[in-house]
Amino acid sequence: MAAKVWFVRLRARAVEALWRRARTGNGVWLAAAIVASGLRLLARWSKRERELVYRGELAPGEQLMIRHVPPGQGDGHAVTEGA
């Protein structure tokens, strides 16, 4: 996970550097900055949104238990009462 964050920061710094060079008036750097920014936007827009599985309000005294069921060990839709 840390490698992914490092790569995202590196990519963001590279785009910033391209825009700095583009401000000097060189058309090649401007084109590169536009393309890099467009790719960044495309990556952001193409992220899959998380699915809302359950939404509700808890009354005072009620509890909520969240657990993760690894793939292949059930469908994860079973509700356990009184847990």
PDB file of N, CA and C in Angstrom:
ATOM      1  N   MET A   1       0.827  -1.194   0.000  1.00  0.00           N
ATOM      2  CA  MET A   1       0.000   0.000   0.000  1.00  0.00           C
ATOM      3  C   MET A   1       0.869   1.255   0.000  1.00  0.00           C
ATOM      4  N   ALA A   2       1.960   1.225   0.729  1.00  0.00           N
ATOM      5  CA  ALA A   2       2.830   2.395   0.795  1.00  0.00           C
ATOM      6  C   ALA A   2       3.440   2.705  -0.574  1.00  0.00           C
ATOM      7  N   ALA A   3       3.706   1.665  -1.354  1.00  0.00           N
ATOM      8  CA  ALA A   3       4.272   1.876  -2.687  1.00  0.00           C
ATOM      9  C   ALA A   3       3.276   2.598  -3.592  1.00  0.00           C
ATOM     10  N   LYS A   4       1.989   2.301  -3.433  1.00  0.00           N
ATOM     11  CA  LYS A   4       0.972   2.954  -4.248  1.00  0.00           C
ATOM     12  C   LYS A   4       0.892   4.439  -3.898  1.00  0.00           C
ATOM     13  N   VAL A   5       0.941   4.760  -2.609  1.00  0.00           N
ATOM     14  CA  VAL A   5       0.894   6.159  -2.185  1.00  0.00           C
ATOM     15  C   VAL A   5       2.119   6.896  -2.710  1.00  0.00           C
ATOM     16  N   TRP A   6       3.268   6.271  -2.638  1.00  0.00           N
ATOM     17  CA  TRP A   6       4.503   6.861  -3.134  1.00  0.00           C
ATOM     18  C   TRP A   6       4.385   7.155  -4.629  1.00  0.00           C
ATOM     19  N   PHE A   7       3.829   6.211  -5.381  1.00  0.00           N
ATOM     20  CA  PHE A   7       3.693   6.388  -6.824  1.00  0.00           C
ATOM     21  C   PHE A   7       2.717   7.519  -7.148  1.00  0.00           C
ATOM     22  N   VAL A   8       1.625   7.604  -6.403  1.00  0.00           N
ATOM     23  CA  VAL A   8       0.631   8.663  -6.639  1.00  0.00           C
ATOM     24  C   VAL A   8       1.257  10.022  -6.376  1.00  0.00           C
ATOM     25  N   ARG A   9       2.027  10.131  -5.290  1.00  0.00           N
ATOM     26  CA  ARG A   9       2.685  11.405  -4.991  1.00  0.00           C
ATOM     27  C   ARG A   9       3.722  11.761  -6.054  1.00  0.00           C
ATOM     28  N   LEU A  10       4.462  10.764  -6.505  1.00  0.00           N
ATOM     29  CA  LEU A  10       5.456  10.996  -7.546  1.00  0.00           C
ATOM     30  C   LEU A  10       4.798  11.490  -8.827  1.00  0.00           C
ATOM     31  N   ARG A  11       3.695  10.862  -9.173  1.00  0.00           N
ATOM     32  CA  ARG A  11       2.960  11.257 -10.381  1.00  0.00           C
ATOM     33  C   ARG A  11       2.416  12.674 -10.249  1.00  0.00           C
ATOM     34  N   ALA A  12       1.911  13.031  -9.077  1.00  0.00           N
ATOM     35  CA  ALA A  12       1.393  14.380  -8.860  1.00  0.00           C
ATOM     36  C   ALA A  12       2.507  15.414  -8.960  1.00  0.00           C
ATOM     37  N   ARG A  13       3.661  15.101  -8.398  1.00  0.00           N
ATOM     38  CA  ARG A  13       4.793  16.030  -8.479  1.00  0.00           C
ATOM     39  C   ARG A  13       5.272  16.185  -9.921  1.00  0.00           C
ATOM     40  N   ALA A  14       5.213  15.105 -10.684  1.00  0.00           N
ATOM     41  CA  ALA A  14       5.625  15.179 -12.087  1.00  0.00           C
ATOM     42  C   ALA A  14       4.691  16.088 -12.876  1.00  0.00           C
ATOM     43  N   VAL A  15       3.387  15.994 -12.616  1.00  0.00           N
ATOM     44  CA  VAL A  15       2.423  16.848 -13.310  1.00  0.00           C
ATOM     45  C   VAL A  15       2.656  18.310 -12.921  1.00  0.00           C
ATOM     46  N   GLU A  16       2.924  18.558 -11.639  1.00  0.00           N
ATOM     47  CA  GLU A  16       3.217  19.926 -11.202  1.00  0.00           C
ATOM     48  C   GLU A  16       4.460  20.465 -11.908  1.00  0.00           C
ATOM     49  N   ALA A  17       5.478  19.632 -12.039  1.00  0.00           N
ATOM     50  CA  ALA A  17       6.708  20.055 -12.721  1.00  0.00           C
ATOM     51  C   ALA A  17       6.432  20.359 -14.190  1.00  0.00           C
ATOM     52  N   LEU A  18       5.585  19.554 -14.817  1.00  0.00           N
ATOM     53  CA  LEU A  18       5.237  19.816 -16.216  1.00  0.00           C
ATOM     54  C   LEU A  18       4.539  21.165 -16.357  1.00  0.00           C
ATOM     55  N   TRP A  19       3.622  21.484 -15.451  1.00  0.00           N
ATOM     56  CA  TRP A  19       2.927  22.761 -15.527  1.00  0.00           C
ATOM     57  C   TRP A  19       3.885  23.924 -15.285  1.00  0.00           C
ATOM     58  N   ARG A  20       4.863  23.740 -14.387  1.00  0.00           N
ATOM     59  CA  ARG A  20       5.862  24.795 -14.163  1.00  0.00           C
ATOM     60  C   ARG A  20       6.643  25.081 -15.441  1.00  0.00           C
ATOM     61  N   ARG A  21       7.056  24.019 -16.107  1.00  0.00           N
ATOM     62  CA  ARG A  21       7.808  24.200 -17.357  1.00  0.00           C
ATOM     63  C   ARG A  21       6.911  24.766 -18.458  1.00  0.00           C
ATOM     64  N   ALA A  22       5.618  24.378 -18.444  1.00  0.00           N
ATOM     65  CA  ALA A  22       4.697  24.854 -19.478  1.00  0.00           C
ATOM     66  C   ALA A  22       4.485  26.365 -19.381  1.00  0.00           C
ATOM     67  N   ARG A  23       4.574  26.902 -18.169  1.00  0.00           N
ATOM     68  CA  ARG A  23       4.378  28.349 -17.992  1.00  0.00           C
ATOM     69  C   ARG A  23       5.499  29.174 -18.622  1.00  0.00           C
ATOM     70  N   THR A  24       6.595  28.530 -18.982  1.00  0.00           N
ATOM     71  CA  THR A  24       7.685  29.270 -19.635  1.00  0.00           C
ATOM     72  C   THR A  24       7.343  29.608 -21.079  1.00  0.00           C
ATOM     73  N   GLY A  25       6.279  28.998 -21.600  1.00  0.00           N
ATOM     74  CA  GLY A  25       5.853  29.320 -22.950  1.00  0.00           C
ATOM     75  C   GLY A  25       6.176  28.259 -23.981  1.00  0.00           C
ATOM     76  N   ASN A  26       6.823  27.186 -23.576  1.00  0.00           N
ATOM     77  CA  ASN A  26       7.173  26.123 -24.511  1.00  0.00           C
ATOM     78  C   ASN A  26       5.938  25.256 -24.778  1.00  0.00           C
ATOM     79  N   GLY A  27       5.565  25.161 -26.041  1.00  0.00           N
ATOM     80  CA  GLY A  27       4.366  24.418 -26.420  1.00  0.00           C
ATOM     81  C   GLY A  27       4.452  22.929 -26.164  1.00  0.00           C
ATOM     82  N   VAL A  28       5.651  22.360 -26.244  1.00  0.00           N
ATOM     83  CA  VAL A  28       5.816  20.922 -26.002  1.00  0.00           C
ATOM     84  C   VAL A  28       5.502  20.603 -24.547  1.00  0.00           C
ATOM     85  N   TRP A  29       6.022  21.436 -23.616  1.00  0.00           N
ATOM     86  CA  TRP A  29       5.753  21.190 -22.195  1.00  0.00           C
ATOM     87  C   TRP A  29       4.278  21.418 -21.876  1.00  0.00           C
ATOM     88  N   LEU A  30       3.667  22.396 -22.537  1.00  0.00           N
ATOM     89  CA  LEU A  30       2.241  22.649 -22.330  1.00  0.00           C
ATOM     90  C   LEU A  30       1.415  21.447 -22.769  1.00  0.00           C
ATOM     91  N   ALA A  31       1.742  20.890 -23.928  1.00  0.00           N
ATOM     92  CA  ALA A  31       1.022  19.712 -24.413  1.00  0.00           C
ATOM     93  C   ALA A  31       1.208  18.528 -23.463  1.00  0.00           C
ATOM     94  N   ALA A  32       2.437  18.350 -22.981  1.00  0.00           N
ATOM     95  CA  ALA A  32       2.703  17.247 -22.053  1.00  0.00           C
ATOM     96  C   ALA A  32       1.936  17.433 -20.747  1.00  0.00           C
ATOM     97  N   ALA A  33       1.853  18.673 -20.255  1.00  0.00           N
ATOM     98  CA  ALA A  33       1.127  18.951 -19.018  1.00  0.00           C
ATOM     99  C   ALA A  33      -0.369  18.705 -19.193  1.00  0.00           C
ATOM    100  N   ILE A  34      -0.905  19.087 -20.326  1.00  0.00           N
ATOM    101  CA  ILE A  34      -2.333  18.873 -20.594  1.00  0.00           C
ATOM    102  C   ILE A  34      -2.636  17.379 -20.668  1.00  0.00           C
ATOM    103  N   VAL A  35      -1.807  16.633 -21.370  1.00  0.00           N
ATOM    104  CA  VAL A  35      -2.017  15.184 -21.486  1.00  0.00           C
ATOM    105  C   VAL A  35      -1.907  14.518 -20.112  1.00  0.00           C
ATOM    106  N   ALA A  36      -0.885  14.889 -19.330  1.00  0.00           N
ATOM    107  CA  ALA A  36      -0.704  14.282 -18.007  1.00  0.00           C
ATOM    108  C   ALA A  36      -1.869  14.606 -17.087  1.00  0.00           C
ATOM    109  N   SER A  37      -2.343  15.844 -17.139  1.00  0.00           N
ATOM    110  CA  SER A  37      -3.488  16.227 -16.310  1.00  0.00           C
ATOM    111  C   SER A  37      -4.746  15.474 -16.746  1.00  0.00           C
ATOM    112  N   GLY A  38      -4.916  15.320 -18.035  1.00  0.00           N
ATOM    113  CA  GLY A  38      -6.062  14.563 -18.542  1.00  0.00           C
ATOM    114  C   GLY A  38      -6.030  13.113 -18.099  1.00  0.00           C
ATOM    115  N   LEU A  39      -4.842  12.520 -18.107  1.00  0.00           N
ATOM    116  CA  LEU A  39      -4.725  11.132 -17.645  1.00  0.00           C
ATOM    117  C   LEU A  39      -5.024  11.018 -16.156  1.00  0.00           C
ATOM    118  N   ARG A  40      -4.591  12.028 -15.384  1.00  0.00           N
ATOM    119  CA  ARG A  40      -4.892  12.026 -13.952  1.00  0.00           C
ATOM    120  C   ARG A  40      -6.393  12.116 -13.704  1.00  0.00           C
ATOM    121  N   LEU A  41      -7.064  13.001 -14.457  1.00  0.00           N
ATOM    122  CA  LEU A  41      -8.518  13.118 -14.328  1.00  0.00           C
ATOM    123  C   LEU A  41      -9.218  11.831 -14.737  1.00  0.00           C
ATOM    124  N   LEU A  42      -8.774  11.238 -15.805  1.00  0.00           N
ATOM    125  CA  LEU A  42      -9.368   9.987 -16.271  1.00  0.00           C
ATOM    126  C   LEU A  42      -9.213   8.890 -15.221  1.00  0.00           C
ATOM    127  N   ALA A  43      -8.046   8.812 -14.596  1.00  0.00           N
ATOM    128  CA  ALA A  43      -7.827   7.811 -13.546  1.00  0.00           C
ATOM    129  C   ALA A  43      -8.746   8.063 -12.359  1.00  0.00           C
ATOM    130  N   ARG A  44      -8.929   9.321 -12.002  1.00  0.00           N
ATOM    131  CA  ARG A  44      -9.800   9.652 -10.867  1.00  0.00           C
ATOM    132  C   ARG A  44     -11.256   9.321 -11.179  1.00  0.00           C
ATOM    133  N   TRP A  45     -11.703   9.616 -12.385  1.00  0.00           N
ATOM    134  CA  TRP A  45     -13.093   9.369 -12.761  1.00  0.00           C
ATOM    135  C   TRP A  45     -13.387   7.895 -12.977  1.00  0.00           C
ATOM    136  N   SER A  46     -12.373   7.100 -13.284  1.00  0.00           N
ATOM    137  CA  SER A  46     -12.617   5.692 -13.582  1.00  0.00           C
ATOM    138  C   SER A  46     -12.597   4.810 -12.337  1.00  0.00           C
ATOM    139  N   LYS A  47     -12.329   5.394 -11.164  1.00  0.00           N
ATOM    140  CA  LYS A  47     -12.334   4.592  -9.940  1.00  0.00           C
ATOM    141  C   LYS A  47     -13.733   4.069  -9.666  1.00  0.00           C
ATOM    142  N   ARG A  48     -13.775   2.822  -9.256  1.00  0.00           N
ATOM    143  CA  ARG A  48     -15.061   2.202  -8.949  1.00  0.00           C
ATOM    144  C   ARG A  48     -15.562   2.735  -7.612  1.00  0.00           C
ATOM    145  N   GLU A  49     -16.820   3.128  -7.578  1.00  0.00           N
ATOM    146  CA  GLU A  49     -17.392   3.622  -6.334  1.00  0.00           C
ATOM    147  C   GLU A  49     -17.734   2.453  -5.427  1.00  0.00           C
ATOM    148  N   ARG A  50     -17.576   2.681  -4.135  1.00  0.00           N
ATOM    149  CA  ARG A  50     -17.918   1.634  -3.175  1.00  0.00           C
ATOM    150  C   ARG A  50     -19.428   1.493  -3.095  1.00  0.00           C
ATOM    151  N   GLU A  51     -19.863   0.260  -2.919  1.00  0.00           N
ATOM    152  CA  GLU A  51     -21.281  -0.034  -2.877  1.00  0.00           C
ATOM    153  C   GLU A  51     -21.795   0.086  -1.442  1.00  0.00           C
ATOM    154  N   LEU A  52     -22.913   0.765  -1.268  1.00  0.00           N
ATOM    155  CA  LEU A  52     -23.539   0.875   0.036  1.00  0.00           C
ATOM    156  C   LEU A  52     -24.347  -0.387   0.267  1.00  0.00           C
ATOM    157  N   VAL A  53     -23.984  -1.149   1.296  1.00  0.00           N
ATOM    158  CA  VAL A  53     -24.638  -2.423   1.550  1.00  0.00           C
ATOM    159  C   VAL A  53     -25.794  -2.261   2.525  1.00  0.00           C
ATOM    160  N   TYR A  54     -25.615  -1.479   3.558  1.00  0.00           N
ATOM    161  CA  TYR A  54     -26.667  -1.314   4.560  1.00  0.00           C
ATOM    162  C   TYR A  54     -26.605   0.092   5.124  1.00  0.00           C
ATOM    163  N   ARG A  55     -27.769   0.658   5.363  1.00  0.00           N
ATOM    164  CA  ARG A  55     -27.826   1.978   5.967  1.00  0.00           C
ATOM    165  C   ARG A  55     -29.008   2.006   6.912  1.00  0.00           C
ATOM    166  N   GLY A  56     -28.772   2.442   8.114  1.00  0.00           N
ATOM    167  CA  GLY A  56     -29.851   2.511   9.085  1.00  0.00           C
ATOM    168  C   GLY A  56     -29.421   3.294  10.302  1.00  0.00           C
ATOM    169  N   GLU A  57     -30.388   3.566  11.162  1.00  0.00           N
ATOM    170  CA  GLU A  57     -30.113   4.336  12.367  1.00  0.00           C
ATOM    171  C   GLU A  57     -30.161   3.400  13.563  1.00  0.00           C
ATOM    172  N   LEU A  58     -29.218   3.563  14.469  1.00  0.00           N
ATOM    173  CA  LEU A  58     -29.193   2.768  15.686  1.00  0.00           C
ATOM    174  C   LEU A  58     -29.908   3.519  16.797  1.00  0.00           C
ATOM    175  N   ALA A  59     -30.741   2.782  17.518  1.00  0.00           N
ATOM    176  CA  ALA A  59     -31.402   3.352  18.690  1.00  0.00           C
ATOM    177  C   ALA A  59     -30.450   3.266  19.874  1.00  0.00           C
ATOM    178  N   PRO A  60     -30.659   4.079  20.883  1.00  0.00           N
ATOM    179  CA  PRO A  60     -29.796   4.004  22.071  1.00  0.00           C
ATOM    180  C   PRO A  60     -29.791   2.590  22.650  1.00  0.00           C
ATOM    181  N   GLY A  61     -28.605   2.074  22.897  1.00  0.00           N
ATOM    182  CA  GLY A  61     -28.457   0.728  23.454  1.00  0.00           C
ATOM    183  C   GLY A  61     -28.260  -0.357  22.402  1.00  0.00           C
ATOM    184  N   GLU A  62     -28.516  -0.069  21.142  1.00  0.00           N
ATOM    185  CA  GLU A  62     -28.308  -1.058  20.085  1.00  0.00           C
ATOM    186  C   GLU A  62     -26.836  -1.109  19.702  1.00  0.00           C
ATOM    187  N   GLN A  63     -26.429  -2.242  19.147  1.00  0.00           N
ATOM    188  CA  GLN A  63     -25.044  -2.430  18.743  1.00  0.00           C
ATOM    189  C   GLN A  63     -24.974  -2.761  17.257  1.00  0.00           C
ATOM    190  N   LEU A  64     -23.822  -2.501  16.713  1.00  0.00           N
ATOM    191  CA  LEU A  64     -23.560  -2.833  15.320  1.00  0.00           C
ATOM    192  C   LEU A  64     -22.245  -3.589  15.261  1.00  0.00           C
ATOM    193  N   MET A  65     -22.256  -4.767  14.614  1.00  0.00           N
ATOM    194  CA  MET A  65     -21.039  -5.544  14.466  1.00  0.00           C
ATOM    195  C   MET A  65     -20.706  -5.622  12.974  1.00  0.00           C
ATOM    196  N   ILE A  66     -19.507  -5.213  12.636  1.00  0.00           N
ATOM    197  CA  ILE A  66     -19.051  -5.273  11.248  1.00  0.00           C
ATOM    198  C   ILE A  66     -17.980  -6.329  11.171  1.00  0.00           C
ATOM    199  N   ARG A  67     -18.126  -7.252  10.232  1.00  0.00           N
ATOM    200  CA  ARG A  67     -17.109  -8.297  10.070  1.00  0.00           C
ATOM    201  C   ARG A  67     -16.850  -8.525   8.602  1.00  0.00           C
ATOM    202  N   HIS A  68     -15.691  -9.049   8.339  1.00  0.00           N
ATOM    203  CA  HIS A  68     -15.264  -9.310   6.972  1.00  0.00           C
ATOM    204  C   HIS A  68     -15.234 -10.819   6.766  1.00  0.00           C
ATOM    205  N   VAL A  69     -15.880 -11.281   5.711  1.00  0.00           N
ATOM    206  CA  VAL A  69     -15.861 -12.696   5.365  1.00  0.00           C
ATOM    207  C   VAL A  69     -14.989 -12.838   4.129  1.00  0.00           C
ATOM    208  N   PRO A  70     -13.863 -13.560   4.245  1.00  0.00           N
ATOM    209  CA  PRO A  70     -12.993 -13.732   3.085  1.00  0.00           C
ATOM    210  C   PRO A  70     -13.720 -14.421   1.932  1.00  0.00           C
ATOM    211  N   PRO A  71     -13.342 -14.118   0.696  1.00  0.00           N
ATOM    212  CA  PRO A  71     -13.982 -14.756  -0.459  1.00  0.00           C
ATOM    213  C   PRO A  71     -13.895 -16.273  -0.368  1.00  0.00           C
ATOM    214  N   GLY A  72     -14.973 -16.926  -0.750  1.00  0.00           N
ATOM    215  CA  GLY A  72     -14.990 -18.385  -0.745  1.00  0.00           C
ATOM    216  C   GLY A  72     -15.470 -18.978   0.563  1.00  0.00           C
ATOM    217  N   GLN A  73     -15.732 -18.161   1.572  1.00  0.00           N
ATOM    218  CA  GLN A  73     -16.223 -18.665   2.861  1.00  0.00           C
ATOM    219  C   GLN A  73     -17.628 -18.143   3.129  1.00  0.00           C
ATOM    220  N   GLY A  74     -18.498 -18.334   2.200  1.00  0.00           N
ATOM    221  CA  GLY A  74     -19.865 -17.836   2.347  1.00  0.00           C
ATOM    222  C   GLY A  74     -20.038 -16.585   1.496  1.00  0.00           C
ATOM    223  N   ASP A  75     -21.291 -16.160   1.394  1.00  0.00           N
ATOM    224  CA  ASP A  75     -21.556 -14.998   0.551  1.00  0.00           C
ATOM    225  C   ASP A  75     -21.481 -13.679   1.315  1.00  0.00           C
ATOM    226  N   GLY A  76     -21.376 -13.758   2.657  1.00  0.00           N
ATOM    227  CA  GLY A  76     -21.257 -12.542   3.431  1.00  0.00           C
ATOM    228  C   GLY A  76     -22.569 -11.839   3.666  1.00  0.00           C
ATOM    229  N   HIS A  77     -23.689 -12.478   3.261  1.00  0.00           N
ATOM    230  CA  HIS A  77     -24.991 -11.837   3.415  1.00  0.00           C
ATOM    231  C   HIS A  77     -25.768 -12.374   4.605  1.00  0.00           C
ATOM    232  N   ALA A  78     -25.222 -13.341   5.329  1.00  0.00           N
ATOM    233  CA  ALA A  78     -25.923 -13.904   6.463  1.00  0.00           C
ATOM    234  C   ALA A  78     -25.920 -12.921   7.621  1.00  0.00           C
ATOM    235  N   VAL A  79     -27.078 -12.717   8.232  1.00  0.00           N
ATOM    236  CA  VAL A  79     -27.200 -11.820   9.373  1.00  0.00           C
ATOM    237  C   VAL A  79     -27.288 -12.678  10.614  1.00  0.00           C
ATOM    238  N   THR A  80     -26.479 -12.362  11.612  1.00  0.00           N
ATOM    239  CA  THR A  80     -26.499 -13.130  12.857  1.00  0.00           C
ATOM    240  C   THR A  80     -27.248 -12.320  13.896  1.00  0.00           C
ATOM    241  N   GLU A  81     -28.250 -12.925  14.513  1.00  0.00           N
ATOM    242  CA  GLU A  81     -29.055 -12.265  15.517  1.00  0.00           C
ATOM    243  C   GLU A  81     -28.391 -12.370  16.868  1.00  0.00           C
ATOM    244  N   GLY A  82     -28.446 -11.318  17.635  1.00  0.00           N
ATOM    245  CA  GLY A  82     -27.966 -11.323  19.018  1.00  0.00           C
ATOM    246  C   GLY A  82     -26.463 -11.400  19.159  1.00  0.00           C
ATOM    247  N   ALA A  83     -25.731 -11.070  18.130  1.00  0.00           N
ATOM    248  CA  ALA A  83     -24.277 -11.177  18.196  1.00  0.00           C
ATOM    249  C   ALA A  83     -23.660 -10.006  18.888  1.00  0.00           C
TER     250      ALA A  83
END
